[in-house]
Amino acid sequence: MSITFYHVHWCPECIAVKGRLDALGVPYDEVIVPDIRMFRKQVHAVSGQYYVPVIKDGDLVLTETADILAYLDERYGRGGTEAAAAEFRSQARTAPETAGEDDAHPSCRIK
């Protein structure tokens, strides 16, 4: 099973995650989502929020760039184990966020 990577092309955080996936040689399926957050239905269905990057690896969903990068390094960079996935499960999104007033604007999570 490969990772599913939800992103937009122009987001610096998405570019960092894509670079790490490629550097580690991790196979992944790309889902390029709309620039406007409120139209990112695929992202919301998987993670309960509209920001990118998001990765889904099996039943694990990570939404924070630092967590994603650390997870990839731990799981795929050093002969990873299932323990890496277990360590990050507590950080995965479980409850949807409601749309905010700025969700009509294109952005990743960088402020």
PDB file of N, CA and C in Angstrom:
ATOM      1  N   MET A   1       0.836  -1.171   0.000  1.00  0.00           N
ATOM      2  CA  MET A   1       0.000   0.000   0.000  1.00  0.00           C
ATOM      3  C   MET A   1       0.889   1.245   0.000  1.00  0.00           C
ATOM      4  N   SER A   2       0.567   2.185  -0.866  1.00  0.00           N
ATOM      5  CA  SER A   2       1.383   3.394  -0.925  1.00  0.00           C
ATOM      6  C   SER A   2       0.692   4.536  -0.182  1.00  0.00           C
ATOM      7  N   ILE A   3       1.455   5.541   0.080  1.00  0.00           N
ATOM      8  CA  ILE A   3       0.958   6.753   0.721  1.00  0.00           C
ATOM      9  C   ILE A   3       0.154   7.558  -0.290  1.00  0.00           C
ATOM     10  N   THR A   4      -0.886   8.211   0.197  1.00  0.00           N
ATOM     11  CA  THR A   4      -1.596   9.192  -0.612  1.00  0.00           C
ATOM     12  C   THR A   4      -1.195  10.560  -0.085  1.00  0.00           C
ATOM     13  N   PHE A   5      -0.764  11.413  -0.991  1.00  0.00           N
ATOM     14  CA  PHE A   5      -0.241  12.735  -0.661  1.00  0.00           C
ATOM     15  C   PHE A   5      -1.152  13.785  -1.285  1.00  0.00           C
ATOM     16  N   TYR A   6      -1.828  14.557  -0.442  1.00  0.00           N
ATOM     17  CA  TYR A   6      -2.737  15.620  -0.877  1.00  0.00           C
ATOM     18  C   TYR A   6      -1.983  16.941  -0.799  1.00  0.00           C
ATOM     19  N   HIS A   7      -2.000  17.694  -1.904  1.00  0.00           N
ATOM     20  CA  HIS A   7      -1.220  18.926  -1.934  1.00  0.00           C
ATOM     21  C   HIS A   7      -1.647  19.845  -3.060  1.00  0.00           C
ATOM     22  N   VAL A   8      -1.077  21.055  -3.025  1.00  0.00           N
ATOM     23  CA  VAL A   8      -1.151  21.996  -4.146  1.00  0.00           C
ATOM     24  C   VAL A   8       0.286  22.206  -4.612  1.00  0.00           C
ATOM     25  N   HIS A   9       0.454  22.609  -5.851  1.00  0.00           N
ATOM     26  CA  HIS A   9       1.799  22.733  -6.423  1.00  0.00           C
ATOM     27  C   HIS A   9       2.640  23.850  -5.816  1.00  0.00           C
ATOM     28  N   TRP A  10       2.017  24.932  -5.419  1.00  0.00           N
ATOM     29  CA  TRP A  10       2.741  26.144  -5.061  1.00  0.00           C
ATOM     30  C   TRP A  10       3.063  26.271  -3.571  1.00  0.00           C
ATOM     31  N   CYS A  11       2.562  25.399  -2.745  1.00  0.00           N
ATOM     32  CA  CYS A  11       2.726  25.501  -1.294  1.00  0.00           C
ATOM     33  C   CYS A  11       4.133  25.071  -0.865  1.00  0.00           C
ATOM     34  N   PRO A  12       4.884  25.933  -0.199  1.00  0.00           N
ATOM     35  CA  PRO A  12       6.244  25.572   0.222  1.00  0.00           C
ATOM     36  C   PRO A  12       6.293  24.346   1.132  1.00  0.00           C
ATOM     37  N   GLU A  13       5.312  24.202   2.014  1.00  0.00           N
ATOM     38  CA  GLU A  13       5.286  23.033   2.890  1.00  0.00           C
ATOM     39  C   GLU A  13       5.014  21.755   2.099  1.00  0.00           C
ATOM     40  N   CYS A  14       4.152  21.856   1.092  1.00  0.00           N
ATOM     41  CA  CYS A  14       3.873  20.702   0.230  1.00  0.00           C
ATOM     42  C   CYS A  14       5.129  20.313  -0.549  1.00  0.00           C
ATOM     43  N   ILE A  15       5.846  21.295  -1.019  1.00  0.00           N
ATOM     44  CA  ILE A  15       7.087  21.044  -1.760  1.00  0.00           C
ATOM     45  C   ILE A  15       8.099  20.336  -0.864  1.00  0.00           C
ATOM     46  N   ALA A  16       8.167  20.730   0.403  1.00  0.00           N
ATOM     47  CA  ALA A  16       9.084  20.070   1.344  1.00  0.00           C
ATOM     48  C   ALA A  16       8.707  18.608   1.555  1.00  0.00           C
ATOM     49  N   VAL A  17       7.417  18.332   1.694  1.00  0.00           N
ATOM     50  CA  VAL A  17       6.971  16.944   1.883  1.00  0.00           C
ATOM     51  C   VAL A  17       7.227  16.128   0.622  1.00  0.00           C
ATOM     52  N   LYS A  18       6.914  16.695  -0.529  1.00  0.00           N
ATOM     53  CA  LYS A  18       7.164  15.992  -1.792  1.00  0.00           C
ATOM     54  C   LYS A  18       8.653  15.678  -1.953  1.00  0.00           C
ATOM     55  N   GLY A  19       9.493  16.635  -1.603  1.00  0.00           N
ATOM     56  CA  GLY A  19      10.934  16.425  -1.680  1.00  0.00           C
ATOM     57  C   GLY A  19      11.396  15.296  -0.782  1.00  0.00           C
ATOM     58  N   ARG A  20      10.831  15.223   0.418  1.00  0.00           N
ATOM     59  CA  ARG A  20      11.215  14.161   1.356  1.00  0.00           C
ATOM     60  C   ARG A  20      10.733  12.803   0.856  1.00  0.00           C
ATOM     61  N   LEU A  21       9.514  12.738   0.354  1.00  0.00           N
ATOM     62  CA  LEU A  21       9.003  11.483  -0.211  1.00  0.00           C
ATOM     63  C   LEU A  21       9.916  11.001  -1.334  1.00  0.00           C
ATOM     64  N   ASP A  22      10.275  11.915  -2.222  1.00  0.00           N
ATOM     65  CA  ASP A  22      11.132  11.563  -3.355  1.00  0.00           C
ATOM     66  C   ASP A  22      12.534  11.165  -2.887  1.00  0.00           C
ATOM     67  N   ALA A  23      13.088  11.919  -1.945  1.00  0.00           N
ATOM     68  CA  ALA A  23      14.440  11.625  -1.455  1.00  0.00           C
ATOM     69  C   ALA A  23      14.514  10.258  -0.782  1.00  0.00           C
ATOM     70  N   LEU A  24      13.445   9.883  -0.102  1.00  0.00           N
ATOM     71  CA  LEU A  24      13.418   8.587   0.581  1.00  0.00           C
ATOM     72  C   LEU A  24      12.998   7.441  -0.340  1.00  0.00           C
ATOM     73  N   GLY A  25      12.576   7.777  -1.556  1.00  0.00           N
ATOM     74  CA  GLY A  25      12.138   6.754  -2.499  1.00  0.00           C
ATOM     75  C   GLY A  25      10.828   6.087  -2.097  1.00  0.00           C
ATOM     76  N   VAL A  26       9.982   6.830  -1.402  1.00  0.00           N
ATOM     77  CA  VAL A  26       8.700   6.291  -0.942  1.00  0.00           C
ATOM     78  C   VAL A  26       7.686   6.395  -2.075  1.00  0.00           C
ATOM     79  N   PRO A  27       7.056   5.277  -2.457  1.00  0.00           N
ATOM     80  CA  PRO A  27       6.018   5.361  -3.482  1.00  0.00           C
ATOM     81  C   PRO A  27       4.783   6.073  -2.917  1.00  0.00           C
ATOM     82  N   TYR A  28       4.166   6.914  -3.718  1.00  0.00           N
ATOM     83  CA  TYR A  28       2.969   7.623  -3.247  1.00  0.00           C
ATOM     84  C   TYR A  28       2.073   7.964  -4.419  1.00  0.00           C
ATOM     85  N   ASP A  29       0.800   8.110  -4.105  1.00  0.00           N
ATOM     86  CA  ASP A  29      -0.189   8.585  -5.061  1.00  0.00           C
ATOM     87  C   ASP A  29      -0.426  10.054  -4.761  1.00  0.00           C
ATOM     88  N   GLU A  30      -0.386  10.878  -5.794  1.00  0.00           N
ATOM     89  CA  GLU A  30      -0.601  12.311  -5.630  1.00  0.00           C
ATOM     90  C   GLU A  30      -2.060  12.660  -5.866  1.00  0.00           C
ATOM     91  N   VAL A  31      -2.606  13.484  -4.990  1.00  0.00           N
ATOM     92  CA  VAL A  31      -3.915  14.074  -5.214  1.00  0.00           C
ATOM     93  C   VAL A  31      -3.705  15.581  -5.135  1.00  0.00           C
ATOM     94  N   ILE A  32      -3.733  16.214  -6.294  1.00  0.00           N
ATOM     95  CA  ILE A  32      -3.562  17.661  -6.361  1.00  0.00           C
ATOM     96  C   ILE A  32      -4.941  18.272  -6.153  1.00  0.00           C
ATOM     97  N   VAL A  33      -5.056  19.094  -5.119  1.00  0.00           N
ATOM     98  CA  VAL A  33      -6.350  19.626  -4.719  1.00  0.00           C
ATOM     99  C   VAL A  33      -6.476  21.077  -5.159  1.00  0.00           C
ATOM    100  N   PRO A  34      -7.704  21.610  -5.148  1.00  0.00           N
ATOM    101  CA  PRO A  34      -7.902  23.002  -5.556  1.00  0.00           C
ATOM    102  C   PRO A  34      -7.168  23.982  -4.652  1.00  0.00           C
ATOM    103  N   ASP A  35      -6.844  25.130  -5.220  1.00  0.00           N
ATOM    104  CA  ASP A  35      -6.183  26.179  -4.457  1.00  0.00           C
ATOM    105  C   ASP A  35      -7.080  26.733  -3.345  1.00  0.00           C
ATOM    106  N   ILE A  36      -8.350  26.838  -3.598  1.00  0.00           N
ATOM    107  CA  ILE A  36      -9.299  27.388  -2.629  1.00  0.00           C
ATOM    108  C   ILE A  36      -9.651  26.314  -1.607  1.00  0.00           C
ATOM    109  N   ARG A  37      -9.384  26.622  -0.349  1.00  0.00           N
ATOM    110  CA  ARG A  37      -9.558  25.612   0.703  1.00  0.00           C
ATOM    111  C   ARG A  37     -10.951  25.003   0.744  1.00  0.00           C
ATOM    112  N   MET A  38     -11.996  25.807   0.635  1.00  0.00           N
ATOM    113  CA  MET A  38     -13.341  25.254   0.794  1.00  0.00           C
ATOM    114  C   MET A  38     -13.707  24.263  -0.317  1.00  0.00           C
ATOM    115  N   PHE A  39     -12.924  24.209  -1.383  1.00  0.00           N
ATOM    116  CA  PHE A  39     -13.168  23.250  -2.457  1.00  0.00           C
ATOM    117  C   PHE A  39     -12.342  21.973  -2.305  1.00  0.00           C
ATOM    118  N   ARG A  40     -11.578  21.879  -1.255  1.00  0.00           N
ATOM    119  CA  ARG A  40     -10.724  20.702  -1.034  1.00  0.00           C
ATOM    120  C   ARG A  40     -11.508  19.594  -0.328  1.00  0.00           C
ATOM    121  N   LYS A  41     -12.534  19.117  -0.985  1.00  0.00           N
ATOM    122  CA  LYS A  41     -13.426  18.111  -0.383  1.00  0.00           C
ATOM    123  C   LYS A  41     -12.687  16.814  -0.081  1.00  0.00           C
ATOM    124  N   GLN A  42     -11.750  16.419  -0.963  1.00  0.00           N
ATOM    125  CA  GLN A  42     -10.996  15.184  -0.722  1.00  0.00           C
ATOM    126  C   GLN A  42     -10.179  15.288   0.555  1.00  0.00           C
ATOM    127  N   VAL A  43      -9.565  16.439   0.783  1.00  0.00           N
ATOM    128  CA  VAL A  43      -8.748  16.650   1.975  1.00  0.00           C
ATOM    129  C   VAL A  43      -9.633  16.583   3.220  1.00  0.00           C
ATOM    130  N   HIS A  44     -10.763  17.256   3.166  1.00  0.00           N
ATOM    131  CA  HIS A  44     -11.659  17.265   4.321  1.00  0.00           C
ATOM    132  C   HIS A  44     -12.200  15.867   4.612  1.00  0.00           C
ATOM    133  N   ALA A  45     -12.534  15.132   3.578  1.00  0.00           N
ATOM    134  CA  ALA A  45     -13.058  13.778   3.781  1.00  0.00           C
ATOM    135  C   ALA A  45     -12.047  12.873   4.486  1.00  0.00           C
ATOM    136  N   VAL A  46     -10.774  13.076   4.210  1.00  0.00           N
ATOM    137  CA  VAL A  46      -9.725  12.239   4.782  1.00  0.00           C
ATOM    138  C   VAL A  46      -9.279  12.740   6.152  1.00  0.00           C
ATOM    139  N   SER A  47      -9.161  14.066   6.303  1.00  0.00           N
ATOM    140  CA  SER A  47      -8.501  14.602   7.497  1.00  0.00           C
ATOM    141  C   SER A  47      -9.391  15.434   8.412  1.00  0.00           C
ATOM    142  N   GLY A  48     -10.571  15.800   7.946  1.00  0.00           N
ATOM    143  CA  GLY A  48     -11.438  16.634   8.766  1.00  0.00           C
ATOM    144  C   GLY A  48     -11.062  18.102   8.775  1.00  0.00           C
ATOM    145  N   GLN A  49     -10.173  18.521   7.888  1.00  0.00           N
ATOM    146  CA  GLN A  49      -9.771  19.920   7.765  1.00  0.00           C
ATOM    147  C   GLN A  49      -9.388  20.179   6.313  1.00  0.00           C
ATOM    148  N   TYR A  50      -9.100  21.439   5.993  1.00  0.00           N
ATOM    149  CA  TYR A  50      -8.897  21.824   4.596  1.00  0.00           C
ATOM    150  C   TYR A  50      -7.464  22.180   4.234  1.00  0.00           C
ATOM    151  N   TYR A  51      -6.550  22.160   5.182  1.00  0.00           N
ATOM    152  CA  TYR A  51      -5.177  22.571   4.911  1.00  0.00           C
ATOM    153  C   TYR A  51      -4.367  21.442   4.279  1.00  0.00           C
ATOM    154  N   VAL A  52      -3.347  21.811   3.538  1.00  0.00           N
ATOM    155  CA  VAL A  52      -2.391  20.867   2.980  1.00  0.00           C
ATOM    156  C   VAL A  52      -1.005  21.295   3.432  1.00  0.00           C
ATOM    157  N   PRO A  53      -0.061  20.386   3.448  1.00  0.00           N
ATOM    158  CA  PRO A  53      -0.091  19.014   2.973  1.00  0.00           C
ATOM    159  C   PRO A  53      -0.775  18.066   3.973  1.00  0.00           C
ATOM    160  N   VAL A  54      -1.264  16.968   3.411  1.00  0.00           N
ATOM    161  CA  VAL A  54      -1.833  15.862   4.186  1.00  0.00           C
ATOM    162  C   VAL A  54      -1.295  14.584   3.573  1.00  0.00           C
ATOM    163  N   ILE A  55      -0.917  13.644   4.427  1.00  0.00           N
ATOM    164  CA  ILE A  55      -0.603  12.307   3.925  1.00  0.00           C
ATOM    165  C   ILE A  55      -1.493  11.305   4.626  1.00  0.00           C
ATOM    166  N   LYS A  56      -1.814  10.258   3.875  1.00  0.00           N
ATOM    167  CA  LYS A  56      -2.566   9.122   4.402  1.00  0.00           C
ATOM    168  C   LYS A  56      -1.725   7.891   4.117  1.00  0.00           C
ATOM    169  N   ASP A  57      -1.350   7.203   5.159  1.00  0.00           N
ATOM    170  CA  ASP A  57      -0.549   5.982   5.035  1.00  0.00           C
ATOM    171  C   ASP A  57      -1.311   4.883   5.757  1.00  0.00           C
ATOM    172  N   GLY A  58      -2.014   4.059   4.980  1.00  0.00           N
ATOM    173  CA  GLY A  58      -2.909   3.083   5.598  1.00  0.00           C
ATOM    174  C   GLY A  58      -4.037   3.830   6.285  1.00  0.00           C
ATOM    175  N   ASP A  59      -4.224   3.577   7.577  1.00  0.00           N
ATOM    176  CA  ASP A  59      -5.276   4.283   8.310  1.00  0.00           C
ATOM    177  C   ASP A  59      -4.748   5.498   9.074  1.00  0.00           C
ATOM    178  N   LEU A  60      -3.468   5.804   8.913  1.00  0.00           N
ATOM    179  CA  LEU A  60      -2.860   6.955   9.567  1.00  0.00           C
ATOM    180  C   LEU A  60      -2.959   8.180   8.667  1.00  0.00           C
ATOM    181  N   VAL A  61      -3.473   9.289   9.213  1.00  0.00           N
ATOM    182  CA  VAL A  61      -3.576  10.547   8.476  1.00  0.00           C
ATOM    183  C   VAL A  61      -2.841  11.609   9.278  1.00  0.00           C
ATOM    184  N   LEU A  62      -1.877  12.271   8.636  1.00  0.00           N
ATOM    185  CA  LEU A  62      -1.125  13.347   9.279  1.00  0.00           C
ATOM    186  C   LEU A  62      -1.334  14.641   8.513  1.00  0.00           C
ATOM    187  N   THR A  63      -1.482  15.746   9.274  1.00  0.00           N
ATOM    188  CA  THR A  63      -1.825  17.029   8.675  1.00  0.00           C
ATOM    189  C   THR A  63      -0.828  18.141   8.954  1.00  0.00           C
ATOM    190  N   GLU A  64       0.102  17.918   9.829  1.00  0.00           N
ATOM    191  CA  GLU A  64       1.085  18.945  10.163  1.00  0.00           C
ATOM    192  C   GLU A  64       2.411  18.613   9.489  1.00  0.00           C
ATOM    193  N   THR A  65       3.001  19.577   8.811  1.00  0.00           N
ATOM    194  CA  THR A  65       4.211  19.338   8.030  1.00  0.00           C
ATOM    195  C   THR A  65       5.341  18.750   8.874  1.00  0.00           C
ATOM    196  N   ALA A  66       5.586  19.307  10.041  1.00  0.00           N
ATOM    197  CA  ALA A  66       6.663  18.786  10.892  1.00  0.00           C
ATOM    198  C   ALA A  66       6.408  17.332  11.269  1.00  0.00           C
ATOM    199  N   ASP A  67       5.158  16.999  11.566  1.00  0.00           N
ATOM    200  CA  ASP A  67       4.810  15.616  11.902  1.00  0.00           C
ATOM    201  C   ASP A  67       4.987  14.703  10.695  1.00  0.00           C
ATOM    202  N   ILE A  68       4.575  15.191   9.534  1.00  0.00           N
ATOM    203  CA  ILE A  68       4.705  14.393   8.310  1.00  0.00           C
ATOM    204  C   ILE A  68       6.178  14.095   8.029  1.00  0.00           C
ATOM    205  N   LEU A  69       7.020  15.120   8.089  1.00  0.00           N
ATOM    206  CA  LEU A  69       8.439  14.934   7.800  1.00  0.00           C
ATOM    207  C   LEU A  69       9.094  13.991   8.810  1.00  0.00           C
ATOM    208  N   ALA A  70       8.772  14.164  10.077  1.00  0.00           N
ATOM    209  CA  ALA A  70       9.329  13.293  11.114  1.00  0.00           C
ATOM    210  C   ALA A  70       8.851  11.852  10.919  1.00  0.00           C
ATOM    211  N   TYR A  71       7.587  11.693  10.602  1.00  0.00           N
ATOM    212  CA  TYR A  71       7.036  10.359  10.361  1.00  0.00           C
ATOM    213  C   TYR A  71       7.735   9.683   9.183  1.00  0.00           C
ATOM    214  N   LEU A  72       7.880  10.406   8.086  1.00  0.00           N
ATOM    215  CA  LEU A  72       8.530   9.827   6.908  1.00  0.00           C
ATOM    216  C   LEU A  72       9.954   9.396   7.227  1.00  0.00           C
ATOM    217  N   ASP A  73      10.687  10.238   7.944  1.00  0.00           N
ATOM    218  CA  ASP A  73      12.052   9.880   8.323  1.00  0.00           C
ATOM    219  C   ASP A  73      12.072   8.638   9.208  1.00  0.00           C
ATOM    220  N   GLU A  74      11.193   8.605  10.181  1.00  0.00           N
ATOM    221  CA  GLU A  74      11.171   7.486  11.126  1.00  0.00           C
ATOM    222  C   GLU A  74      10.700   6.191  10.458  1.00  0.00           C
ATOM    223  N   ARG A  75       9.643   6.291   9.678  1.00  0.00           N
ATOM    224  CA  ARG A  75       9.027   5.098   9.077  1.00  0.00           C
ATOM    225  C   ARG A  75       9.801   4.589   7.866  1.00  0.00           C
ATOM    226  N   TYR A  76      10.274   5.500   7.031  1.00  0.00           N
ATOM    227  CA  TYR A  76      10.862   5.095   5.754  1.00  0.00           C
ATOM    228  C   TYR A  76      12.347   5.410   5.619  1.00  0.00           C
ATOM    229  N   GLY A  77      12.890   6.219   6.495  1.00  0.00           N
ATOM    230  CA  GLY A  77      14.260   6.652   6.338  1.00  0.00           C
ATOM    231  C   GLY A  77      15.298   5.803   7.026  1.00  0.00           C
ATOM    232  N   ARG A  78      14.917   5.136   8.078  1.00  0.00           N
ATOM    233  CA  ARG A  78      15.902   4.373   8.835  1.00  0.00           C
ATOM    234  C   ARG A  78      15.422   2.947   9.064  1.00  0.00           C
ATOM    235  N   GLY A  79      15.004   2.302   7.995  1.00  0.00           N
ATOM    236  CA  GLY A  79      14.534   0.930   8.125  1.00  0.00           C
ATOM    237  C   GLY A  79      13.277   0.834   8.962  1.00  0.00           C
ATOM    238  N   GLY A  80      12.416   1.848   8.852  1.00  0.00           N
ATOM    239  CA  GLY A  80      11.244   2.034   9.691  1.00  0.00           C
ATOM    240  C   GLY A  80      10.468   0.786  10.063  1.00  0.00           C
ATOM    241  N   THR A  81       9.666   0.961  11.065  1.00  0.00           N
ATOM    242  CA  THR A  81       8.856  -0.127  11.591  1.00  0.00           C
ATOM    243  C   THR A  81       7.435   0.341  11.797  1.00  0.00           C
ATOM    244  N   GLU A  82       6.566  -0.590  12.114  1.00  0.00           N
ATOM    245  CA  GLU A  82       5.178  -0.246  12.431  1.00  0.00           C
ATOM    246  C   GLU A  82       5.122   0.628  13.683  1.00  0.00           C
ATOM    247  N   ALA A  83       6.129   0.543  14.526  1.00  0.00           N
ATOM    248  CA  ALA A  83       6.164   1.377  15.731  1.00  0.00           C
ATOM    249  C   ALA A  83       6.139   2.857  15.372  1.00  0.00           C
ATOM    250  N   ALA A  84       6.744   3.212  14.247  1.00  0.00           N
ATOM    251  CA  ALA A  84       6.726   4.609  13.812  1.00  0.00           C
ATOM    252  C   ALA A  84       5.298   5.061  13.546  1.00  0.00           C
ATOM    253  N   ALA A  85       4.517   4.215  12.894  1.00  0.00           N
ATOM    254  CA  ALA A  85       3.126   4.565  12.629  1.00  0.00           C
ATOM    255  C   ALA A  85       2.357   4.685  13.933  1.00  0.00           C
ATOM    256  N   ALA A  86       2.590   3.779  14.858  1.00  0.00           N
ATOM    257  CA  ALA A  86       1.892   3.815  16.138  1.00  0.00           C
ATOM    258  C   ALA A  86       2.223   5.090  16.903  1.00  0.00           C
ATOM    259  N   GLU A  87       3.462   5.531  16.833  1.00  0.00           N
ATOM    260  CA  GLU A  87       3.895   6.734  17.545  1.00  0.00           C
ATOM    261  C   GLU A  87       3.142   7.968  17.068  1.00  0.00           C
ATOM    262  N   PHE A  88       2.800   8.017  15.794  1.00  0.00           N
ATOM    263  CA  PHE A  88       2.175   9.201  15.225  1.00  0.00           C
ATOM    264  C   PHE A  88       0.656   9.136  15.195  1.00  0.00           C
ATOM    265  N   ARG A  89       0.069   7.985  15.505  1.00  0.00           N
ATOM    266  CA  ARG A  89      -1.394   7.862  15.458  1.00  0.00           C
ATOM    267  C   ARG A  89      -2.084   8.883  16.368  1.00  0.00           C
ATOM    268  N   SER A  90      -1.498   9.198  17.488  1.00  0.00           N
ATOM    269  CA  SER A  90      -2.123  10.139  18.414  1.00  0.00           C
ATOM    270  C   SER A  90      -2.187  11.547  17.836  1.00  0.00           C
ATOM    271  N   GLN A  91      -1.401  11.826  16.820  1.00  0.00           N
ATOM    272  CA  GLN A  91      -1.385  13.150  16.220  1.00  0.00           C
ATOM    273  C   GLN A  91      -2.314  13.257  15.020  1.00  0.00           C
ATOM    274  N   ALA A  92      -2.890  12.149  14.607  1.00  0.00           N
ATOM    275  CA  ALA A  92      -3.752  12.145  13.432  1.00  0.00           C
ATOM    276  C   ALA A  92      -5.074  12.839  13.729  1.00  0.00           C
ATOM    277  N   ARG A  93      -5.636  13.461  12.721  1.00  0.00           N
ATOM    278  CA  ARG A  93      -6.913  14.144  12.863  1.00  0.00           C
ATOM    279  C   ARG A  93      -8.027  13.110  13.028  1.00  0.00           C
ATOM    280  N   THR A  94      -8.927  13.366  13.963  1.00  0.00           N
ATOM    281  CA  THR A  94     -10.066  12.468  14.130  1.00  0.00           C
ATOM    282  C   THR A  94     -11.388  13.216  14.029  1.00  0.00           C
ATOM    283  N   ALA A  95     -11.418  14.478  14.404  1.00  0.00           N
ATOM    284  CA  ALA A  95     -12.660  15.244  14.371  1.00  0.00           C
ATOM    285  C   ALA A  95     -12.557  16.366  13.349  1.00  0.00           C
ATOM    286  N   PRO A  96     -13.580  16.497  12.500  1.00  0.00           N
ATOM    287  CA  PRO A  96     -13.539  17.573  11.506  1.00  0.00           C
ATOM    288  C   PRO A  96     -13.561  18.946  12.159  1.00  0.00           C
ATOM    289  N   GLU A  97     -12.860  19.889  11.516  1.00  0.00           N
ATOM    290  CA  GLU A  97     -12.951  21.284  11.904  1.00  0.00           C
ATOM    291  C   GLU A  97     -14.065  21.907  11.084  1.00  0.00           C
ATOM    292  N   THR A  98     -14.679  22.948  11.594  1.00  0.00           N
ATOM    293  CA  THR A  98     -15.666  23.654  10.793  1.00  0.00           C
ATOM    294  C   THR A  98     -14.934  24.655   9.907  1.00  0.00           C
ATOM    295  N   ALA A  99     -15.538  24.968   8.793  1.00  0.00           N
ATOM    296  CA  ALA A  99     -14.927  25.921   7.869  1.00  0.00           C
ATOM    297  C   ALA A  99     -14.868  27.293   8.524  1.00  0.00           C
ATOM    298  N   GLY A 100     -13.752  27.957   8.351  1.00  0.00           N
ATOM    299  CA  GLY A 100     -13.574  29.297   8.901  1.00  0.00           C
ATOM    300  C   GLY A 100     -13.786  30.345   7.841  1.00  0.00           C
ATOM    301  N   GLU A 101     -13.818  31.605   8.264  1.00  0.00           N
ATOM    302  CA  GLU A 101     -14.083  32.688   7.321  1.00  0.00           C
ATOM    303  C   GLU A 101     -12.986  32.839   6.277  1.00  0.00           C
ATOM    304  N   ASP A 102     -11.770  32.370   6.555  1.00  0.00           N
ATOM    305  CA  ASP A 102     -10.690  32.504   5.585  1.00  0.00           C
ATOM    306  C   ASP A 102     -10.568  31.292   4.666  1.00  0.00           C
ATOM    307  N   ASP A 103     -11.486  30.345   4.757  1.00  0.00           N
ATOM    308  CA  ASP A 103     -11.387  29.146   3.938  1.00  0.00           C
ATOM    309  C   ASP A 103     -11.671  29.394   2.455  1.00  0.00           C
ATOM    310  N   ALA A 104     -12.132  30.561   2.104  1.00  0.00           N
ATOM    311  CA  ALA A 104     -12.358  30.890   0.695  1.00  0.00           C
ATOM    312  C   ALA A 104     -11.069  31.329   0.004  1.00  0.00           C
ATOM    313  N   HIS A 105     -10.005  31.549   0.774  1.00  0.00           N
ATOM    314  CA  HIS A 105      -8.761  32.051   0.219  1.00  0.00           C
ATOM    315  C   HIS A 105      -7.776  30.919  -0.058  1.00  0.00           C
ATOM    316  N   PRO A 106      -7.013  31.007  -1.141  1.00  0.00           N
ATOM    317  CA  PRO A 106      -6.032  29.962  -1.403  1.00  0.00           C
ATOM    318  C   PRO A 106      -4.873  30.066  -0.423  1.00  0.00           C
ATOM    319  N   SER A 107      -4.520  28.965   0.161  1.00  0.00           N
ATOM    320  CA  SER A 107      -3.315  28.938   0.992  1.00  0.00           C
ATOM    321  C   SER A 107      -3.040  27.530   1.436  1.00  0.00           C
ATOM    322  N   CYS A 108      -1.809  27.301   1.801  1.00  0.00           N
ATOM    323  CA  CYS A 108      -1.489  26.113   2.558  1.00  0.00           C
ATOM    324  C   CYS A 108      -1.544  26.592   4.001  1.00  0.00           C
ATOM    325  N   ARG A 109      -0.778  26.025   4.904  1.00  0.00           N
ATOM    326  CA  ARG A 109      -0.933  26.396   6.301  1.00  0.00           C
ATOM    327  C   ARG A 109       0.070  27.441   6.750  1.00  0.00           C
ATOM    328  N   ILE A 110       0.933  27.892   5.874  1.00  0.00           N
ATOM    329  CA  ILE A 110       1.925  28.895   6.246  1.00  0.00           C
ATOM    330  C   ILE A 110       1.234  30.217   6.535  1.00  0.00           C
ATOM    331  N   LYS A 111       1.651  30.836   7.583  1.00  0.00           N
ATOM    332  CA  LYS A 111       1.035  32.127   7.966  1.00  0.00           C
ATOM    333  C   LYS A 111       2.010  33.248   7.718  1.00  0.00           C
TER     334      LYS A 111
END
